[in-house]
PDB file of N, CA and C in Angstrom:
ATOM      1  N   UNK A   1      15.031   7.704-144.471  1.00  0.00           N
ATOM      2  CA  UNK A   1      16.503   6.022-144.338  1.00  0.00           C
ATOM      3  C   UNK A   1      15.118   4.579-144.267  1.00  0.00           C
ATOM      4  N   UNK A   2      14.357   4.934-144.247  1.00  0.00           N
ATOM      5  CA  UNK A   2      13.130   4.258-144.622  1.00  0.00           C
ATOM      6  C   UNK A   2      13.732   3.574-146.106  1.00  0.00           C
ATOM      7  N   UNK A   3      13.922   4.479-147.426  1.00  0.00           N
ATOM      8  CA  UNK A   3      13.790   4.427-148.563  1.00  0.00           C
ATOM      9  C   UNK A   3      14.703   3.249-149.207  1.00  0.00           C
ATOM     10  N   UNK A   4      15.825   4.232-148.515  1.00  0.00           N
ATOM     11  CA  UNK A   4      17.297   3.659-148.458  1.00  0.00           C
ATOM     12  C   UNK A   4      17.532   1.490-147.631  1.00  0.00           C
ATOM     13  N   UNK A   5      17.310   1.666-146.451  1.00  0.00           N
ATOM     14  CA  UNK A   5      16.918  -0.139-146.293  1.00  0.00           C
ATOM     15  C   UNK A   5      15.820  -0.667-147.235  1.00  0.00           C
ATOM     16  N   UNK A   6      14.958   0.097-148.197  1.00  0.00           N
ATOM     17  CA  UNK A   6      13.713  -0.351-148.520  1.00  0.00           C
ATOM     18  C   UNK A   6      14.004  -1.154-149.813  1.00  0.00           C
ATOM     19  N   UNK A   7      14.756  -0.427-150.412  1.00  0.00           N
ATOM     20  CA  UNK A   7      16.005   0.169-151.823  1.00  0.00           C
ATOM     21  C   UNK A   7      17.219  -1.505-151.769  1.00  0.00           C
ATOM     22  N   UNK A   8      17.827  -1.493-149.917  1.00  0.00           N
ATOM     23  CA  UNK A   8      18.540  -2.270-150.275  1.00  0.00           C
ATOM     24  C   UNK A   8      18.032  -4.040-149.925  1.00  0.00           C
ATOM     25  N   UNK A   9      16.926  -3.722-149.302  1.00  0.00           N
ATOM     26  CA  UNK A   9      16.343  -4.919-149.082  1.00  0.00           C
ATOM     27  C   UNK A   9      15.747  -5.529-150.870  1.00  0.00           C
ATOM     28  N   UNK A  10      14.931  -4.979-151.369  1.00  0.00           N
ATOM     29  CA  UNK A  10      15.569  -4.812-152.954  1.00  0.00           C
ATOM     30  C   UNK A  10      16.183  -5.589-153.718  1.00  0.00           C
ATOM     31  N   UNK A  11      17.709  -4.923-152.873  1.00  0.00           N
ATOM     32  CA  UNK A  11      18.480  -5.222-153.764  1.00  0.00           C
ATOM     33  C   UNK A  11      19.046  -6.704-153.828  1.00  0.00           C
ATOM     34  N   UNK A  12      19.162  -7.234-152.258  1.00  0.00           N
ATOM     35  CA  UNK A  12      19.051  -7.961-151.987  1.00  0.00           C
ATOM     36  C   UNK A  12      18.253  -9.748-152.479  1.00  0.00           C
ATOM     37  N   UNK A  13      16.904  -8.852-152.977  1.00  0.00           N
ATOM     38  CA  UNK A  13      16.382 -10.253-153.891  1.00  0.00           C
ATOM     39  C   UNK A  13      16.071  -9.622-154.870  1.00  0.00           C
ATOM     40  N   UNK A  14      16.429  -8.965-155.929  1.00  0.00           N
ATOM     41  CA  UNK A  14      16.256  -8.631-157.028  1.00  0.00           C
ATOM     42  C   UNK A  14      17.627  -8.144-157.789  1.00  0.00           C
ATOM     43  N   UNK A  15      18.669  -8.720-157.071  1.00  0.00           N
ATOM     44  CA  UNK A  15      19.989  -7.538-158.002  1.00  0.00           C
ATOM     45  C   UNK A  15      20.522  -8.634-159.173  1.00  0.00           C
ATOM     46  N   UNK A  16      20.089  -9.665-159.066  1.00  0.00           N
ATOM     47  CA  UNK A  16      20.303 -10.801-160.207  1.00  0.00           C
ATOM     48  C   UNK A  16      20.557 -10.166-161.124  1.00  0.00           C
ATOM     49  N   UNK A  17      18.636  -9.839-160.870  1.00  0.00           N
ATOM     50  CA  UNK A  17      18.214  -9.682-162.334  1.00  0.00           C
ATOM     51  C   UNK A  17      18.436  -8.011-162.735  1.00  0.00           C
ATOM     52  N   UNK A  18      19.277  -7.657-162.422  1.00  0.00           N
ATOM     53  CA  UNK A  18      19.819  -6.008-162.787  1.00  0.00           C
ATOM     54  C   UNK A  18      21.810  -6.073-163.609  1.00  0.00           C
ATOM     55  N   UNK A  19      21.811  -5.465-164.646  1.00  0.00           N
ATOM     56  CA  UNK A  19      22.935  -6.084-165.120  1.00  0.00           C
ATOM     57  C   UNK A  19      24.095  -5.460-164.361  1.00  0.00           C
ATOM     58  N   UNK A  20      25.492  -5.606-164.898  1.00  0.00           N
ATOM     59  CA  UNK A  20      26.887  -5.200-163.522  1.00  0.00           C
ATOM     60  C   UNK A  20      26.979  -4.310-163.151  1.00  0.00           C
ATOM     61  N   UNK A  21      26.925  -3.619-164.937  1.00  0.00           N
ATOM     62  CA  UNK A  21      26.968  -2.372-164.574  1.00  0.00           C
ATOM     63  C   UNK A  21      26.106  -1.606-163.066  1.00  0.00           C
ATOM     64  N   UNK A  22      25.086  -2.443-163.163  1.00  0.00           N
ATOM     65  CA  UNK A  22      23.664  -1.262-162.307  1.00  0.00           C
ATOM     66  C   UNK A  22      24.362  -1.660-161.334  1.00  0.00           C
ATOM     67  N   UNK A  23      24.051  -2.918-160.971  1.00  0.00           N
ATOM     68  CA  UNK A  23      25.104  -3.347-159.687  1.00  0.00           C
ATOM     69  C   UNK A  23      26.157  -2.974-159.001  1.00  0.00           C
ATOM     70  N   UNK A  24      27.083  -2.519-160.009  1.00  0.00           N
ATOM     71  CA  UNK A  24      28.340  -1.690-159.652  1.00  0.00           C
ATOM     72  C   UNK A  24      28.128  -0.075-158.937  1.00  0.00           C
ATOM     73  N   UNK A  25      27.531  -0.198-160.292  1.00  0.00           N
ATOM     74  CA  UNK A  25      26.517   1.666-159.173  1.00  0.00           C
ATOM     75  C   UNK A  25      25.289   1.741-157.985  1.00  0.00           C
ATOM     76  N   UNK A  26      24.795   0.803-158.045  1.00  0.00           N
ATOM     77  CA  UNK A  26      24.157   0.386-157.253  1.00  0.00           C
ATOM     78  C   UNK A  26      24.797   0.332-155.530  1.00  0.00           C
ATOM     79  N   UNK A  27      26.002  -0.824-155.519  1.00  0.00           N
ATOM     80  CA  UNK A  27      26.715  -0.685-154.720  1.00  0.00           C
ATOM     81  C   UNK A  27      27.071   0.712-154.382  1.00  0.00           C
ATOM     82  N   UNK A  28      28.204   0.953-155.157  1.00  0.00           N
ATOM     83  CA  UNK A  28      29.442   1.774-154.883  1.00  0.00           C
ATOM     84  C   UNK A  28      27.785   3.264-154.821  1.00  0.00           C
ATOM     85  N   UNK A  29      27.126   3.792-154.373  1.00  0.00           N
ATOM     86  CA  UNK A  29      25.969   4.489-153.662  1.00  0.00           C
ATOM     87  C   UNK A  29      25.755   4.070-152.820  1.00  0.00           C
ATOM     88  N   UNK A  30      24.905   2.867-152.945  1.00  0.00           N
ATOM     89  CA  UNK A  30      24.436   2.601-151.376  1.00  0.00           C
ATOM     90  C   UNK A  30      25.171   2.254-150.580  1.00  0.00           C
ATOM     91  N   UNK A  31      26.347   1.200-150.785  1.00  0.00           N
ATOM     92  CA  UNK A  31      26.975  -0.084-150.287  1.00  0.00           C
ATOM     93  C   UNK A  31      28.143   0.764-149.785  1.00  0.00           C
ATOM     94  N   UNK A  32      28.873   1.665-150.594  1.00  0.00           N
ATOM     95  CA  UNK A  32      30.032   2.026-150.263  1.00  0.00           C
ATOM     96  C   UNK A  32      29.863   3.799-149.810  1.00  0.00           C
ATOM     97  N   UNK A  33      28.275   3.970-150.869  1.00  0.00           N
ATOM     98  CA  UNK A  33      28.232   5.776-149.687  1.00  0.00           C
ATOM     99  C   UNK A  33      28.875   6.801-150.884  1.00  0.00           C
ATOM    100  N   UNK A  34      28.980   6.382-151.781  1.00  0.00           N
ATOM    101  CA  UNK A  34      30.217   7.106-152.655  1.00  0.00           C
ATOM    102  C   UNK A  34      29.641   7.762-153.711  1.00  0.00           C
ATOM    103  N   UNK A  35      29.413   9.310-153.465  1.00  0.00           N
ATOM    104  CA  UNK A  35      28.213  10.062-154.026  1.00  0.00           C
ATOM    105  C   UNK A  35      28.361  10.147-155.900  1.00  0.00           C
ATOM    106  N   UNK A  36      27.662  10.945-156.238  1.00  0.00           N
ATOM    107  CA  UNK A  36      27.442  10.763-157.350  1.00  0.00           C
ATOM    108  C   UNK A  36      28.480  11.700-158.164  1.00  0.00           C
ATOM    109  N   UNK A  37      29.273  12.315-157.575  1.00  0.00           N
ATOM    110  CA  UNK A  37      30.742  12.704-158.148  1.00  0.00           C
ATOM    111  C   UNK A  37      31.313  12.281-158.408  1.00  0.00           C
ATOM    112  N   UNK A  38      32.074  10.882-157.418  1.00  0.00           N
ATOM    113  CA  UNK A  38      32.860  10.016-156.990  1.00  0.00           C
ATOM    114  C   UNK A  38      32.734   8.940-158.336  1.00  0.00           C
ATOM    115  N   UNK A  39      31.796   8.311-158.396  1.00  0.00           N
ATOM    116  CA  UNK A  39      31.305   7.300-159.148  1.00  0.00           C
ATOM    117  C   UNK A  39      31.385   7.820-160.527  1.00  0.00           C
ATOM    118  N   UNK A  40      31.006   9.089-160.889  1.00  0.00           N
ATOM    119  CA  UNK A  40      31.166   9.098-162.898  1.00  0.00           C
ATOM    120  C   UNK A  40      32.781   9.720-162.872  1.00  0.00           C
ATOM    121  N   UNK A  41      33.537  10.045-161.231  1.00  0.00           N
ATOM    122  CA  UNK A  41      35.124  10.470-161.552  1.00  0.00           C
ATOM    123  C   UNK A  41      35.786   8.861-162.251  1.00  0.00           C
ATOM    124  N   UNK A  42      35.305   7.766-161.382  1.00  0.00           N
ATOM    125  CA  UNK A  42      35.213   6.327-161.340  1.00  0.00           C
ATOM    126  C   UNK A  42      35.328   5.660-162.170  1.00  0.00           C
ATOM    127  N   UNK A  43      33.796   5.913-163.092  1.00  0.00           N
ATOM    128  CA  UNK A  43      33.837   5.671-164.120  1.00  0.00           C
ATOM    129  C   UNK A  43      33.562   6.492-165.543  1.00  0.00           C
ATOM    130  N   UNK A  44      34.476   7.904-165.122  1.00  0.00           N
ATOM    131  CA  UNK A  44      34.681   8.847-166.487  1.00  0.00           C
ATOM    132  C   UNK A  44      33.348   8.953-166.882  1.00  0.00           C
ATOM    133  N   UNK A  45      32.069   8.960-166.732  1.00  0.00           N
ATOM    134  CA  UNK A  45      30.987   9.148-167.138  1.00  0.00           C
ATOM    135  C   UNK A  45      30.220  10.944-166.046  1.00  0.00           C
ATOM    136  N   UNK A  46      29.114  11.153-166.557  1.00  0.00           N
ATOM    137  CA  UNK A  46      28.540  11.893-166.212  1.00  0.00           C
ATOM    138  C   UNK A  46      28.008  11.870-164.562  1.00  0.00           C
ATOM    139  N   UNK A  47      27.666  13.209-164.379  1.00  0.00           N
ATOM    140  CA  UNK A  47      27.512  12.670-163.134  1.00  0.00           C
ATOM    141  C   UNK A  47      25.465  13.234-162.835  1.00  0.00           C
ATOM    142  N   UNK A  48      25.198  13.332-164.472  1.00  0.00           N
ATOM    143  CA  UNK A  48      23.715  13.209-164.851  1.00  0.00           C
ATOM    144  C   UNK A  48      23.312  11.789-165.448  1.00  0.00           C
ATOM    145  N   UNK A  49      24.089  11.055-165.380  1.00  0.00           N
ATOM    146  CA  UNK A  49      24.471   9.332-165.875  1.00  0.00           C
ATOM    147  C   UNK A  49      24.280   8.822-164.754  1.00  0.00           C
ATOM    148  N   UNK A  50      24.751   9.010-163.687  1.00  0.00           N
ATOM    149  CA  UNK A  50      25.034   8.182-162.660  1.00  0.00           C
ATOM    150  C   UNK A  50      23.457   8.411-161.778  1.00  0.00           C
ATOM    151  N   UNK A  51      23.690   9.360-161.675  1.00  0.00           N
ATOM    152  CA  UNK A  51      21.927  10.135-161.001  1.00  0.00           C
ATOM    153  C   UNK A  51      20.582   8.988-161.904  1.00  0.00           C
ATOM    154  N   UNK A  52      20.886   8.788-163.756  1.00  0.00           N
ATOM    155  CA  UNK A  52      20.042   8.798-163.714  1.00  0.00           C
ATOM    156  C   UNK A  52      20.016   7.045-164.309  1.00  0.00           C
ATOM    157  N   UNK A  53      20.933   6.594-163.976  1.00  0.00           N
ATOM    158  CA  UNK A  53      20.993   5.191-164.016  1.00  0.00           C
ATOM    159  C   UNK A  53      20.128   4.208-161.795  1.00  0.00           C
ATOM    160  N   UNK A  54      21.193   5.423-161.160  1.00  0.00           N
ATOM    161  CA  UNK A  54      20.772   5.066-159.716  1.00  0.00           C
ATOM    162  C   UNK A  54      18.581   5.036-159.842  1.00  0.00           C
ATOM    163  N   UNK A  55      18.542   5.748-160.633  1.00  0.00           N
ATOM    164  CA  UNK A  55      16.621   6.052-160.981  1.00  0.00           C
ATOM    165  C   UNK A  55      16.014   5.023-161.780  1.00  0.00           C
ATOM    166  N   UNK A  56      16.392   4.437-162.481  1.00  0.00           N
ATOM    167  CA  UNK A  56      16.578   3.398-163.716  1.00  0.00           C
ATOM    168  C   UNK A  56      15.843   2.356-162.718  1.00  0.00           C
ATOM    169  N   UNK A  57      17.628   2.240-162.227  1.00  0.00           N
ATOM    170  CA  UNK A  57      17.296   1.323-160.880  1.00  0.00           C
ATOM    171  C   UNK A  57      16.161   0.986-160.245  1.00  0.00           C
ATOM    172  N   UNK A  58      15.799   2.111-159.684  1.00  0.00           N
ATOM    173  CA  UNK A  58      15.064   2.394-158.984  1.00  0.00           C
ATOM    174  C   UNK A  58      13.789   1.479-158.417  1.00  0.00           C
ATOM    175  N   UNK A  59      13.497   2.161-160.108  1.00  0.00           N
ATOM    176  CA  UNK A  59      12.517   1.994-161.056  1.00  0.00           C
ATOM    177  C   UNK A  59      12.674   0.776-161.489  1.00  0.00           C
ATOM    178  N   UNK A  60      13.528  -0.049-162.021  1.00  0.00           N
ATOM    179  CA  UNK A  60      13.288  -1.954-161.376  1.00  0.00           C
ATOM    180  C   UNK A  60      12.975  -2.474-160.837  1.00  0.00           C
ATOM    181  N   UNK A  61      14.357  -1.903-160.040  1.00  0.00           N
ATOM    182  CA  UNK A  61      13.238  -3.143-158.682  1.00  0.00           C
ATOM    183  C   UNK A  61      12.182  -2.465-157.546  1.00  0.00           C
ATOM    184  N   UNK A  62      10.977  -1.683-157.941  1.00  0.00           N
ATOM    185  CA  UNK A  62       9.537  -1.397-157.902  1.00  0.00           C
ATOM    186  C   UNK A  62       9.667  -2.488-158.897  1.00  0.00           C
ATOM    187  N   UNK A  63       9.299  -2.092-159.918  1.00  0.00           N
ATOM    188  CA  UNK A  63       8.596  -2.816-160.841  1.00  0.00           C
ATOM    189  C   UNK A  63       8.796  -4.766-160.461  1.00  0.00           C
ATOM    190  N   UNK A  64      10.037  -5.152-160.354  1.00  0.00           N
ATOM    191  CA  UNK A  64      10.667  -6.390-159.443  1.00  0.00           C
ATOM    192  C   UNK A  64       9.565  -6.919-158.861  1.00  0.00           C
ATOM    193  N   UNK A  65       9.240  -6.174-157.520  1.00  0.00           N
ATOM    194  CA  UNK A  65       8.252  -6.008-157.061  1.00  0.00           C
ATOM    195  C   UNK A  65       6.970  -6.288-156.801  1.00  0.00           C
ATOM    196  N   UNK A  66       6.730  -5.235-157.455  1.00  0.00           N
ATOM    197  CA  UNK A  66       5.616  -5.129-157.471  1.00  0.00           C
ATOM    198  C   UNK A  66       4.153  -5.859-158.373  1.00  0.00           C
ATOM    199  N   UNK A  67       5.539  -6.884-159.315  1.00  0.00           N
ATOM    200  CA  UNK A  67       4.870  -8.075-160.145  1.00  0.00           C
ATOM    201  C   UNK A  67       5.092  -9.261-159.370  1.00  0.00           C
ATOM    202  N   UNK A  68       6.489 -10.037-158.530  1.00  0.00           N
ATOM    203  CA  UNK A  68       6.836 -10.819-158.105  1.00  0.00           C
ATOM    204  C   UNK A  68       6.396 -11.223-156.126  1.00  0.00           C
ATOM    205  N   UNK A  69       6.530  -9.350-156.065  1.00  0.00           N
ATOM    206  CA  UNK A  69       5.873  -9.308-154.498  1.00  0.00           C
ATOM    207  C   UNK A  69       6.891 -10.267-153.279  1.00  0.00           C
ATOM    208  N   UNK A  70       8.320 -10.271-153.921  1.00  0.00           N
ATOM    209  CA  UNK A  70       8.524 -11.567-152.365  1.00  0.00           C
ATOM    210  C   UNK A  70       8.914 -10.411-151.663  1.00  0.00           C
ATOM    211  N   UNK A  71       9.442  -9.265-151.525  1.00  0.00           N
ATOM    212  CA  UNK A  71       9.287  -8.406-150.636  1.00  0.00           C
ATOM    213  C   UNK A  71       8.153  -9.004-149.276  1.00  0.00           C
ATOM    214  N   UNK A  72       7.123  -7.971-150.133  1.00  0.00           N
ATOM    215  CA  UNK A  72       5.916  -8.509-149.122  1.00  0.00           C
ATOM    216  C   UNK A  72       5.620  -9.826-148.679  1.00  0.00           C
ATOM    217  N   UNK A  73       5.499 -10.775-149.641  1.00  0.00           N
ATOM    218  CA  UNK A  73       5.683 -12.133-149.048  1.00  0.00           C
ATOM    219  C   UNK A  73       6.510 -12.538-147.972  1.00  0.00           C
ATOM    220  N   UNK A  74       7.957 -11.552-147.376  1.00  0.00           N
ATOM    221  CA  UNK A  74       8.657 -11.916-147.090  1.00  0.00           C
ATOM    222  C   UNK A  74       8.600 -11.008-145.734  1.00  0.00           C
ATOM    223  N   UNK A  75       8.145  -9.638-145.641  1.00  0.00           N
ATOM    224  CA  UNK A  75       7.175  -9.005-144.590  1.00  0.00           C
ATOM    225  C   UNK A  75       5.868  -9.663-143.853  1.00  0.00           C
ATOM    226  N   UNK A  76       5.306 -10.568-144.654  1.00  0.00           N
ATOM    227  CA  UNK A  76       4.085 -11.298-144.315  1.00  0.00           C
ATOM    228  C   UNK A  76       4.522 -12.160-143.642  1.00  0.00           C
ATOM    229  N   UNK A  77       5.794 -12.883-143.421  1.00  0.00           N
ATOM    230  CA  UNK A  77       6.121 -13.953-142.986  1.00  0.00           C
ATOM    231  C   UNK A  77       6.608 -14.121-141.888  1.00  0.00           C
ATOM    232  N   UNK A  78       7.555 -12.670-141.777  1.00  0.00           N
ATOM    233  CA  UNK A  78       8.176 -12.272-140.646  1.00  0.00           C
ATOM    234  C   UNK A  78       7.120 -11.586-139.275  1.00  0.00           C
ATOM    235  N   UNK A  79       6.268 -11.586-139.923  1.00  0.00           N
ATOM    236  CA  UNK A  79       4.819 -11.308-139.087  1.00  0.00           C
ATOM    237  C   UNK A  79       4.183 -11.639-138.610  1.00  0.00           C
ATOM    238  N   UNK A  80       4.325 -12.852-138.852  1.00  0.00           N
ATOM    239  CA  UNK A  80       3.689 -14.317-138.655  1.00  0.00           C
ATOM    240  C   UNK A  80       4.867 -14.895-138.128  1.00  0.00           C
ATOM    241  N   UNK A  81       6.485 -14.968-138.327  1.00  0.00           N
ATOM    242  CA  UNK A  81       6.780 -15.655-137.543  1.00  0.00           C
ATOM    243  C   UNK A  81       6.637 -15.084-135.926  1.00  0.00           C
ATOM    244  N   UNK A  82       5.799 -13.480-136.106  1.00  0.00           N
ATOM    245  CA  UNK A  82       6.353 -12.873-134.557  1.00  0.00           C
ATOM    246  C   UNK A  82       4.977 -13.096-133.416  1.00  0.00           C
ATOM    247  N   UNK A  83       4.089 -13.813-134.853  1.00  0.00           N
ATOM    248  CA  UNK A  83       2.892 -14.305-133.906  1.00  0.00           C
ATOM    249  C   UNK A  83       3.473 -15.815-133.031  1.00  0.00           C
ATOM    250  N   UNK A  84       4.237 -16.255-133.370  1.00  0.00           N
ATOM    251  CA  UNK A  84       4.581 -17.660-133.215  1.00  0.00           C
ATOM    252  C   UNK A  84       4.850 -17.259-131.536  1.00  0.00           C
ATOM    253  N   UNK A  85       4.512 -18.215-130.569  1.00  0.00           N
ATOM    254  CA  UNK A  85       5.225 -17.723-129.343  1.00  0.00           C
ATOM    255  C   UNK A  85       6.356 -19.318-128.563  1.00  0.00           C
ATOM    256  N   UNK A  86       6.843 -19.583-129.884  1.00  0.00           N
ATOM    257  CA  UNK A  86       7.612 -20.574-129.869  1.00  0.00           C
ATOM    258  C   UNK A  86       9.142 -19.921-130.511  1.00  0.00           C
ATOM    259  N   UNK A  87      10.249 -19.765-129.378  1.00  0.00           N
ATOM    260  CA  UNK A  87      11.999 -19.565-129.725  1.00  0.00           C
ATOM    261  C   UNK A  87      11.665 -20.288-130.990  1.00  0.00           C
ATOM    262  N   UNK A  88      12.531 -21.356-130.471  1.00  0.00           N
ATOM    263  CA  UNK A  88      13.068 -22.362-131.071  1.00  0.00           C
ATOM    264  C   UNK A  88      12.057 -22.567-132.626  1.00  0.00           C
ATOM    265  N   UNK A  89      10.521 -22.592-132.675  1.00  0.00           N
ATOM    266  CA  UNK A  89      10.452 -22.523-134.115  1.00  0.00           C
ATOM    267  C   UNK A  89      10.285 -21.143-134.592  1.00  0.00           C
ATOM    268  N   UNK A  90       9.802 -19.770-134.380  1.00  0.00           N
ATOM    269  CA  UNK A  90      10.717 -18.133-134.395  1.00  0.00           C
ATOM    270  C   UNK A  90      11.903 -18.632-135.131  1.00  0.00           C
ATOM    271  N   UNK A  91      12.964 -18.526-134.390  1.00  0.00           N
ATOM    272  CA  UNK A  91      14.347 -18.914-134.856  1.00  0.00           C
ATOM    273  C   UNK A  91      14.397 -19.660-136.519  1.00  0.00           C
ATOM    274  N   UNK A  92      13.849 -21.467-136.253  1.00  0.00           N
ATOM    275  CA  UNK A  92      14.136 -21.212-137.837  1.00  0.00           C
ATOM    276  C   UNK A  92      13.785 -21.013-138.998  1.00  0.00           C
ATOM    277  N   UNK A  93      12.306 -21.145-139.097  1.00  0.00           N
ATOM    278  CA  UNK A  93      11.576 -20.194-139.863  1.00  0.00           C
ATOM    279  C   UNK A  93      12.491 -18.430-140.065  1.00  0.00           C
ATOM    280  N   UNK A  94      12.622 -17.880-138.818  1.00  0.00           N
ATOM    281  CA  UNK A  94      12.950 -16.757-139.315  1.00  0.00           C
ATOM    282  C   UNK A  94      14.797 -17.352-140.764  1.00  0.00           C
ATOM    283  N   UNK A  95      15.529 -18.401-139.619  1.00  0.00           N
ATOM    284  CA  UNK A  95      16.668 -18.884-141.050  1.00  0.00           C
ATOM    285  C   UNK A  95      16.234 -18.972-142.312  1.00  0.00           C
ATOM    286  N   UNK A  96      15.451 -19.684-142.991  1.00  0.00           N
ATOM    287  CA  UNK A  96      14.715 -20.198-143.993  1.00  0.00           C
ATOM    288  C   UNK A  96      14.983 -18.335-144.638  1.00  0.00           C
ATOM    289  N   UNK A  97      14.476 -17.680-143.691  1.00  0.00           N
ATOM    290  CA  UNK A  97      14.260 -16.539-144.835  1.00  0.00           C
ATOM    291  C   UNK A  97      15.935 -15.826-145.228  1.00  0.00           C
TER     292      UNK A  97
END
């Protein structure tokens, strides 16, 4: 489950850097909860091709995070926000993220 949430967070940050086809496969698999077989039928490709695309997408998302560290920085900011004891400031900072 953690991996699922993590990949969705990375997709929110870096999804626009993927090709349209990759975005579609990712959304179908992670957002629409379609199986590899269902995706392969929808796009008339093999299940193995879908599997490989999803692995490539995961690698790309991890690569972007390794280089840009937007997710890590967001997590650090959230940790700092939790230390603030002012609800108004906490809410305003959270809305910026």
